């Protein structure tokens, strides 16, 4: 994010397709939201996402949290 982005703020949420090592912007916007925290992530700052789940994460800790939640859900289903 540069000086101008900070001054004018982010304009809208982008629609993104997450690929291996890159992402494709499908719908115009400046940011996405973290699937775990709801935190706004500027596209220029986006570093963590899941290709399988098509979700963005603000931090590695948020990605790990999501993975652990989903694994716990799968274990609970198997235990039934």
Protein backbone atom coordinates (compact mmCIF):
# COMPACT_ATOMS: atom_id res chain seq x y z
CA UNK A 1 0.00 0.00 0.00
CA UNK A 2 1.45 3.36 -0.91
CA UNK A 3 0.91 6.89 0.40
CA UNK A 4 -1.98 7.62 -1.94
CA UNK A 5 -3.83 4.41 -0.98
CA UNK A 6 -3.57 5.34 2.68
CA UNK A 7 -4.83 8.85 2.02
CA UNK A 8 -7.83 7.89 -0.08
CA UNK A 9 -8.54 4.54 1.59
CA UNK A 10 -9.53 1.26 0.04
CA UNK A 11 -12.43 1.53 -2.37
CA UNK A 12 -14.10 -1.87 -2.48
CA UNK A 13 -13.87 -5.60 -1.95
CA UNK A 14 -12.38 -7.58 -4.83
CA UNK A 15 -13.58 -10.96 -6.10
CA UNK A 16 -10.54 -13.18 -6.30
CA UNK A 17 -9.72 -16.69 -7.50
CA UNK A 18 -6.82 -18.10 -5.52
CA UNK A 19 -4.32 -20.15 -7.51
CA UNK A 20 -1.03 -21.86 -6.64
CA UNK A 21 1.45 -19.07 -5.96
CA UNK A 22 -0.75 -16.33 -7.41
CA UNK A 23 -4.30 -15.06 -7.53
CA UNK A 24 -6.57 -13.76 -10.25
CA UNK A 25 -8.79 -10.74 -9.70
CA UNK A 26 -12.24 -11.55 -11.10
CA UNK A 27 -14.07 -8.48 -9.87
CA UNK A 28 -12.60 -5.03 -9.33
CA UNK A 29 -11.66 -4.02 -5.83
CA UNK A 30 -8.77 -3.07 -3.58
CA UNK A 31 -9.06 -5.65 -0.81
CA UNK A 32 -10.31 -9.03 0.40
CA UNK A 33 -11.35 -10.12 3.88
CA UNK A 34 -9.66 -12.69 6.08
CA UNK A 35 -11.86 -15.80 6.30
CA UNK A 36 -11.04 -16.20 10.00
CA UNK A 37 -10.89 -12.68 11.44
CA UNK A 38 -12.82 -10.64 8.88
CA UNK A 39 -9.86 -8.27 8.76
CA UNK A 40 -9.45 -6.23 5.57
CA UNK A 41 -6.40 -7.26 3.54
CA UNK A 42 -5.23 -4.91 0.78
CA UNK A 43 -4.51 -6.88 -2.40
CA UNK A 44 -1.01 -5.42 -2.35
CA UNK A 45 -0.51 -7.02 1.09
CA UNK A 46 -2.17 -10.39 0.39
CA UNK A 47 0.27 -13.22 1.13
CA UNK A 48 -1.74 -16.13 2.58
CA UNK A 49 -4.64 -18.05 1.06
CA UNK A 50 -6.05 -21.50 0.47
CA UNK A 51 -6.48 -22.73 -3.08
CA UNK A 52 -8.71 -25.62 -1.94
CA UNK A 53 -10.98 -23.47 0.21
CA UNK A 54 -10.70 -20.30 -1.91
CA UNK A 55 -10.16 -18.20 1.24
CA UNK A 56 -7.73 -15.45 2.15
CA UNK A 57 -5.97 -15.14 5.51
CA UNK A 58 -4.47 -12.08 7.18
CA UNK A 59 -1.66 -14.00 8.90
CA UNK A 60 -0.12 -17.48 8.98
CA UNK A 61 -1.71 -17.91 12.42
CA UNK A 62 -5.16 -17.30 10.93
CA UNK A 63 -4.50 -19.89 8.21
CA UNK A 64 -3.40 -22.42 10.83
CA UNK A 65 -6.44 -21.67 12.97
CA UNK A 66 -8.77 -22.32 10.02
CA UNK A 67 -6.96 -25.57 9.18
CA UNK A 68 -7.25 -26.76 12.78
CA UNK A 69 -10.96 -25.87 12.94
CA UNK A 70 -11.71 -27.82 9.77
CA UNK A 71 -9.66 -30.83 10.89
CA UNK A 72 -11.52 -30.86 14.22
CA UNK A 73 -14.85 -30.81 12.34
CA UNK A 74 -13.75 -33.78 10.20
CA UNK A 75 -12.65 -35.74 13.26
CA UNK A 76 -15.99 -35.01 14.97
CA UNK A 77 -17.88 -36.29 11.89
CA UNK A 78 -15.83 -39.49 11.85
CA UNK A 79 -16.46 -40.05 15.56
CA UNK A 80 -20.23 -40.10 15.06
